Protein backbone atom coordinates (compact mmCIF):
# COMPACT_ATOMS: atom_id res chain seq x y z
CA MET A 1 -2.27 23.13 28.37
CA LYS A 2 -2.81 19.92 30.35
CA HIS A 3 -0.36 18.03 28.13
CA ILE A 4 2.53 20.14 29.53
CA ARG A 5 3.85 17.99 32.36
CA SER A 6 6.27 20.51 33.85
CA GLN A 7 4.40 22.74 36.29
CA LYS A 8 7.03 25.47 35.93
CA LYS A 9 6.82 25.46 32.14
CA ARG A 10 3.02 25.44 32.14
CA GLU A 11 2.94 28.42 34.50
CA ARG A 12 5.39 30.29 32.27
CA LEU A 13 3.26 29.62 29.19
CA GLU A 14 0.14 30.75 31.03
CA ASP A 15 1.92 33.94 32.10
CA ILE A 16 2.80 34.61 28.46
CA ILE A 17 -0.84 34.16 27.38
CA LYS A 18 -2.11 36.50 30.08
CA ASP A 19 0.57 39.14 29.49
CA LEU A 20 -0.01 39.05 25.72
CA TYR A 21 -3.68 39.72 26.41
CA HIS A 22 -2.81 42.74 28.55
CA GLU A 23 -0.31 44.06 25.97
CA ILE A 24 -2.78 43.85 23.08
CA ALA A 25 -5.60 45.24 25.23
CA ALA A 26 -3.37 48.23 26.03
CA GLY A 27 -3.06 48.95 22.31
CA HIS A 28 0.48 47.66 21.85
CA GLU A 29 0.89 46.10 18.41
CA GLU A 30 4.56 46.16 17.43
CA THR A 31 6.22 42.78 17.94
CA LYS A 32 9.67 43.79 19.22
CA PRO A 33 8.50 46.12 22.04
CA ILE A 34 6.01 43.48 23.21
CA ILE A 35 8.65 40.74 23.19
CA ASP A 36 11.14 42.97 25.03
CA SER A 37 8.49 43.90 27.61
CA LEU A 38 7.51 40.26 28.23
CA SER A 39 11.16 39.18 28.39
CA GLN A 40 11.90 41.73 31.10
CA LYS A 41 8.70 41.11 33.04
CA LEU A 42 8.95 37.32 33.03
CA GLY A 43 12.72 37.16 33.40
CA VAL A 44 13.05 35.01 30.27
CA LYS A 45 15.59 35.49 27.48
CA VAL A 46 14.12 36.62 24.15
CA GLN A 47 15.22 33.44 22.35
CA LYS A 48 13.50 31.21 24.91
CA LEU A 49 10.43 33.44 24.91
CA ASN A 50 10.08 33.13 21.13
CA LYS A 51 10.28 29.33 21.44
CA ASP A 52 7.53 29.39 24.06
CA ILE A 53 5.36 31.55 21.79
CA ASP A 54 5.90 29.03 18.98
CA ILE A 55 4.60 26.32 21.34
CA LEU A 56 1.52 28.44 22.01
CA ARG A 57 1.04 28.94 18.26
CA GLU A 58 1.13 25.19 17.68
CA ALA A 59 -1.41 24.72 20.49
CA GLY A 60 -3.76 27.25 18.89
CA PHE A 61 -3.47 30.02 21.48
CA VAL A 62 -1.53 32.59 19.41
CA SER A 63 -2.07 33.68 15.81
CA SER A 64 0.37 32.24 13.28
CA SER A 65 1.11 35.65 11.75
CA SER A 66 1.25 37.97 14.78
CA LEU A 67 1.22 38.10 18.58
CA GLU A 68 -2.58 38.39 18.63
CA LEU A 69 -4.29 35.74 20.72
CA THR A 70 -6.78 33.48 18.99
CA SER A 71 -10.32 33.19 20.37
CA GLN A 72 -9.08 30.15 22.31
CA GLY A 73 -6.15 32.16 23.65
CA LYS A 74 -8.36 35.10 24.69
CA GLU A 75 -10.75 32.78 26.51
CA TYR A 76 -7.83 31.14 28.33
CA ALA A 77 -6.34 34.52 29.28
CA LEU A 78 -9.65 35.80 30.63
CA GLY A 79 -9.95 32.61 32.69
CA LEU A 80 -6.54 33.28 34.28
CA ILE A 81 -7.42 36.93 34.95
CA ARG A 82 -10.72 35.85 36.54
CA LYS A 83 -8.89 33.36 38.80
CA HIS A 84 -6.33 35.99 39.82
CA ARG A 85 -8.81 38.73 40.66
CA LEU A 86 -11.29 36.45 42.40
CA TYR A 87 -8.51 35.01 44.53
CA GLU A 88 -7.31 38.52 45.43
CA ARG A 89 -10.85 39.26 46.59
CA TYR A 90 -10.84 36.01 48.58
CA LEU A 91 -7.55 36.97 50.25
CA ALA A 92 -8.92 40.40 51.11
CA GLU A 93 -12.04 38.96 52.72
CA HIS A 94 -10.79 35.76 54.32
CA SER A 95 -7.04 35.90 55.02
CA GLY A 96 -4.49 37.73 57.10
CA TYR A 97 -2.36 38.72 54.11
CA SER A 98 -1.61 42.42 53.71
CA PRO A 99 -2.79 44.24 50.54
CA ALA A 100 0.80 44.31 49.26
CA GLU A 101 0.86 40.49 49.37
CA TRP A 102 -2.43 39.78 47.60
CA HIS A 103 -1.04 40.07 44.07
CA LYS A 104 1.89 37.70 44.63
CA VAL A 105 -0.22 35.01 46.31
CA ALA A 106 -3.01 35.32 43.73
CA HIS A 107 -0.45 35.02 40.92
CA GLN A 108 0.66 31.69 42.34
CA MET A 109 -2.89 30.42 42.85
CA GLU A 110 -4.20 31.40 39.40
CA HIS A 111 -2.14 28.50 38.04
CA ARG A 112 -3.45 26.00 40.58
CA VAL A 113 -7.14 26.71 41.23
CA ASN A 114 -9.47 24.51 39.18
CA LEU A 115 -12.88 25.55 37.85
CA ASN A 116 -14.83 23.79 40.61
CA GLU A 117 -12.75 25.48 43.32
CA LEU A 118 -13.19 28.79 41.52
CA ARG A 119 -16.97 28.35 41.49
CA VAL A 120 -16.96 27.66 45.25
CA ILE A 121 -14.82 30.75 45.90
CA SER A 122 -17.07 32.92 43.75
CA GLU A 123 -20.22 31.72 45.52
CA LYS A 124 -18.60 32.23 48.92
CA LEU A 125 -17.88 35.84 47.93
CA HIS A 126 -21.41 36.29 46.49
CA ASN A 127 -20.08 36.54 42.92
CA PRO A 128 -18.24 39.90 43.17
CA GLN A 129 -17.80 42.09 40.11
CA ILE A 130 -14.55 43.83 41.11
CA ASP A 131 -11.35 42.80 42.89
CA PRO A 132 -10.04 44.64 46.01
CA HIS A 133 -8.28 47.24 43.82
CA GLY A 134 -11.35 48.07 41.72
CA ASP A 135 -10.43 46.00 38.64
CA PRO A 136 -13.42 44.29 36.95
CA ILE A 137 -13.56 40.50 37.38
CA PRO A 138 -14.26 39.02 33.93
CA SER A 139 -17.11 36.55 33.51
CA ASN A 140 -19.14 34.95 30.72
CA GLU A 141 -21.36 38.05 30.70
CA ASN A 142 -18.58 40.63 31.02
CA THR A 143 -15.18 40.36 29.33
CA ASN A 144 -14.09 43.88 30.25
CA ILE A 145 -10.93 43.83 32.39
CA GLU A 146 -10.12 47.54 32.64
CA PRO A 147 -11.68 50.08 35.04
CA GLU A 148 -13.23 53.19 33.51
CA ASN A 149 -11.04 56.22 32.87
CA GLY A 150 -10.79 58.80 35.63
CA LEU A 151 -9.80 62.43 36.04
CA ASN A 152 -6.33 63.75 35.28
CA ILE A 153 -4.32 64.98 38.27
CA GLU A 154 -4.48 68.50 36.83
CA GLU A 155 -8.30 68.40 37.07
CA LEU A 156 -8.43 67.88 40.85
CA LYS A 157 -9.60 71.09 42.51
CA PRO A 158 -9.36 72.07 46.20
CA ASN A 159 -12.50 71.50 48.30
CA GLU A 160 -14.19 69.18 45.79
CA TYR A 161 -15.29 65.69 46.78
CA LEU A 162 -13.93 62.79 44.73
CA ARG A 163 -14.50 59.06 44.71
CA ILE A 164 -11.59 56.65 44.32
CA LEU A 165 -12.53 54.15 41.65
CA HIS A 166 -9.34 52.10 41.42
CA LEU A 167 -5.97 51.51 43.10
CA ASP A 168 -3.21 50.36 40.76
CA ASP A 169 -1.36 47.36 42.18
CA ALA A 170 1.57 47.47 39.73
CA ASN A 171 3.91 48.97 42.35
CA ALA A 172 3.78 47.08 45.66
CA GLU A 173 5.49 49.88 47.61
CA ILE A 174 3.01 52.53 46.45
CA LEU A 175 0.06 50.19 46.97
CA SER A 176 1.26 49.46 50.50
CA LYS A 177 1.31 53.19 51.32
CA LEU A 178 -2.12 53.88 49.82
CA ALA A 179 -3.62 50.84 51.53
CA GLY A 180 -1.93 51.92 54.76
CA ILE A 181 -3.85 55.19 54.55
CA GLY A 182 -6.98 53.08 54.32
CA LEU A 183 -8.06 53.94 50.78
CA PHE A 184 -10.32 51.50 48.96
CA PRO A 185 -12.38 51.40 45.73
CA GLY A 186 -15.39 53.59 46.44
CA ALA A 187 -13.72 55.70 49.14
CA LEU A 188 -14.62 59.40 49.30
CA ILE A 189 -12.01 62.12 49.78
CA ARG A 190 -11.99 65.93 49.75
CA ILE A 191 -9.09 67.63 47.99
CA ILE A 192 -7.21 70.05 50.26
CA SER A 193 -4.39 71.05 47.90
CA ASN A 194 -3.07 70.16 44.47
CA ASN A 195 0.52 70.92 43.57
CA LYS A 196 0.53 69.45 40.08
CA ASP A 197 4.29 68.82 40.19
CA LYS A 198 4.63 67.49 43.74
CA GLY A 199 1.35 65.82 44.65
CA ILE A 200 -1.96 66.31 46.42
CA GLY A 201 -3.27 66.74 49.95
CA PHE A 202 -6.70 65.38 50.86
CA LEU A 203 -9.07 64.74 53.74
CA PHE A 204 -10.12 61.14 54.38
CA GLN A 205 -11.97 59.82 57.42
CA GLY A 206 -11.29 63.06 59.28
CA GLU A 207 -7.51 63.06 58.67
CA ILE A 208 -5.36 64.98 56.20
CA PHE A 209 -2.93 62.98 54.07
CA ASN A 210 -0.32 64.05 51.52
CA ILE A 211 0.83 61.85 48.65
CA THR A 212 3.29 62.42 45.81
CA LYS A 213 2.26 62.92 42.20
CA ARG A 214 3.49 59.41 41.37
CA GLU A 215 1.39 57.95 44.17
CA ALA A 216 -1.63 60.00 43.10
CA MET A 217 -1.28 58.68 39.56
CA SER A 218 -1.78 55.17 40.96
CA LEU A 219 -5.32 56.19 41.90
CA THR A 220 -8.29 56.63 39.58
CA PHE A 221 -10.53 59.52 40.65
CA ILE A 222 -14.08 60.27 39.50
CA HIS A 223 -16.72 62.80 40.49
CA PRO A 224 -19.29 61.03 42.72
CA SER A 225 -22.78 60.99 41.23
CA VAL A 226 -24.36 61.07 44.70
CA LEU A 227 -22.92 61.98 48.11
CA PRO A 228 -24.01 60.19 51.30
CA GLN A 229 -26.01 61.98 53.97
CA SER A 230 -24.07 63.40 56.90
CA ASN A 231 -22.60 60.48 58.89
CA MET A 232 -24.34 57.72 56.92
CA PRO A 233 -22.37 55.33 54.68
CA ASP A 234 -23.24 55.03 50.99
CA ILE A 235 -23.54 51.87 48.88
CA TYR A 236 -19.73 51.58 48.79
CA GLY A 237 -19.52 51.76 52.59
CA ALA A 238 -17.91 55.19 52.27
CA PHE A 239 -18.60 58.20 54.50
CA LEU A 240 -18.14 61.87 53.73
CA PRO A 241 -14.49 62.53 54.68
CA ASP A 242 -15.39 65.37 57.06
CA ALA A 243 -18.41 63.62 58.63
CA VAL A 244 -16.43 60.96 60.52
CA LYS A 245 -13.18 60.51 62.42
CA ARG A 246 -11.27 57.44 63.53
CA LEU A 247 -11.63 56.15 67.07
CA THR A 248 -7.87 56.66 67.47
CA SER A 249 -8.50 60.43 67.44
CA LEU A 250 -10.91 60.32 70.42
CA PRO A 251 -9.71 62.53 73.33
CA LYS A 252 -9.37 60.83 76.71
CA ASP A 253 -11.86 63.18 78.37
CA LYS A 254 -14.67 62.79 75.82
CA SER A 255 -17.17 60.21 74.59
CA ALA A 256 -18.48 59.78 71.05
CA VAL A 257 -21.08 57.85 69.08
CA ILE A 258 -19.96 55.17 66.61
CA CYS A 259 -20.93 55.65 62.94
CA GLY A 260 -19.68 52.31 61.69
CA ILE A 261 -16.66 50.17 60.84
CA ASP A 262 -14.34 50.91 57.96
CA VAL A 263 -14.75 48.83 54.77
CA ASN A 264 -11.12 47.69 55.04
CA CYS A 265 -11.89 45.79 58.24
CA ARG A 266 -13.10 42.49 56.84
CA GLY A 267 -13.90 38.91 57.77
CA SER A 268 -13.27 37.66 61.30
CA ALA A 269 -11.68 40.96 62.41
CA ARG A 270 -14.87 42.83 61.50
CA ARG A 271 -17.12 40.23 63.12
CA ARG A 272 -15.08 40.40 66.33
CA LEU A 273 -15.49 44.17 66.63
CA LEU A 274 -19.23 43.88 66.00
CA ASP A 275 -19.54 41.09 68.58
CA LEU A 276 -17.72 43.27 71.12
CA GLY A 277 -20.36 45.97 70.68
CA PHE A 278 -18.65 48.42 68.32
CA VAL A 279 -21.82 48.93 66.30
CA ARG A 280 -23.45 52.02 64.84
CA GLY A 281 -25.10 54.15 67.52
CA SER A 282 -23.08 52.80 70.46
CA LYS A 283 -21.44 55.29 72.81
CA VAL A 284 -17.70 54.84 73.33
CA SER A 285 -15.00 56.45 75.49
CA ILE A 286 -11.45 55.69 76.59
CA TYR A 287 -11.54 53.54 79.73
CA LEU A 288 -7.81 53.10 80.24
CA GLN A 289 -4.95 54.63 78.27
CA SER A 290 -1.59 52.89 78.07
CA PRO A 291 1.53 55.07 78.52
CA LEU A 292 2.42 54.78 74.83
CA GLY A 293 -1.18 55.02 73.63
CA ASN A 294 -1.22 51.50 72.23
CA PRO A 295 -3.21 49.51 73.13
CA ASN A 296 -6.03 51.43 74.79
CA ALA A 297 -9.05 50.09 76.66
CA TYR A 298 -12.40 51.49 75.52
CA LEU A 299 -15.64 51.55 77.47
CA ILE A 300 -18.40 50.18 75.25
CA ARG A 301 -21.82 49.06 76.50
CA GLY A 302 -20.58 48.85 80.08
CA SER A 303 -17.49 46.73 79.31
CA GLY A 304 -13.82 47.66 79.00
CA ILE A 305 -12.36 46.34 75.73
CA ALA A 306 -8.65 46.61 74.86
CA LEU A 307 -7.89 47.41 71.23
CA ARG A 308 -4.61 47.89 69.42
CA TYR A 309 -4.15 51.03 67.31
CA ASP A 310 -4.52 49.05 64.07
CA GLN A 311 -7.90 47.75 65.30
CA ALA A 312 -9.24 51.04 66.68
CA ARG A 313 -8.43 52.96 63.47
CA HIS A 314 -11.12 50.97 61.66
CA ILE A 315 -13.86 52.21 63.99
CA LEU A 316 -15.40 55.47 62.80
CA ILE A 317 -17.02 57.98 65.15
CA ASP A 318 -19.20 61.06 64.68
CA PRO A 319 -17.13 64.17 65.58
CA GLN A 320 -20.38 66.09 66.17
CA SER A 321 -21.29 63.66 68.96
CA LEU A 322 -18.27 64.42 71.18
CA ASN A 323 -19.31 65.08 74.79
CA PRO A 324 -17.26 65.72 77.95
CA LEU A 325 -17.18 62.81 80.41
């Protein structure tokens, strides 16, 4: 692909390779539907798309008799997918971009990051196996790119605990809402209600949320093999949904004990909260409440610390530890 001088054209050809990989992996085989799908997704006319595919055939990336990728094409596609998902993980851990922005930025960078830079990023992240949405990151040892299948919406029963395995990032608006709730791969919820036509209600971090059926279908649910103890996090950093509450729910006249910091609070933001004393076992109370409730000052280890709502919501407290001041 290095012989293509035009950056724009090279990126378009790489997008075609990656999207062909996804189409074939999804079991799509008929030529016309695949071409129509790629044309719409990439914003390229069918005639131009067919010419680009001919270029990829000549370069040895696409089979001469079908839209199947050759072994060279599959290897190239997996390399692009690895770059994309690793960079999404990098953005989640080390940037200020919102979850809804990760995909767009990573899509740009997958065409620009070289192998040496990718190796550095992977080592910095301790060679992660999944991206922030729960999608597997392909490697030499693992070429799987799809998360395991989950439960159907109809199978979700009230009062049962479920683990969220994957958040689909295909729809930025839906992803933004689900991420705004605080859901993450590995999160534990308890089903409150399931109206199969309208959506589900569930308990998460001590709060009840309601999402539509379409939004619920963007999540992959599985039955957890093991549940964490009381107010202890499990290997995913998840707590039982009824064993913790967010610091934002703390009444002004009570103190509580901190259980931990939410998984979604990453990088420098997480380190700052830890440095300020918001660590497991610390006692916290509201020191000064602003008229609008945002920000509030919290008393932690003898110091008053002001936190915005979006910071305090990441701090999880034990509701059983509430005591009057």
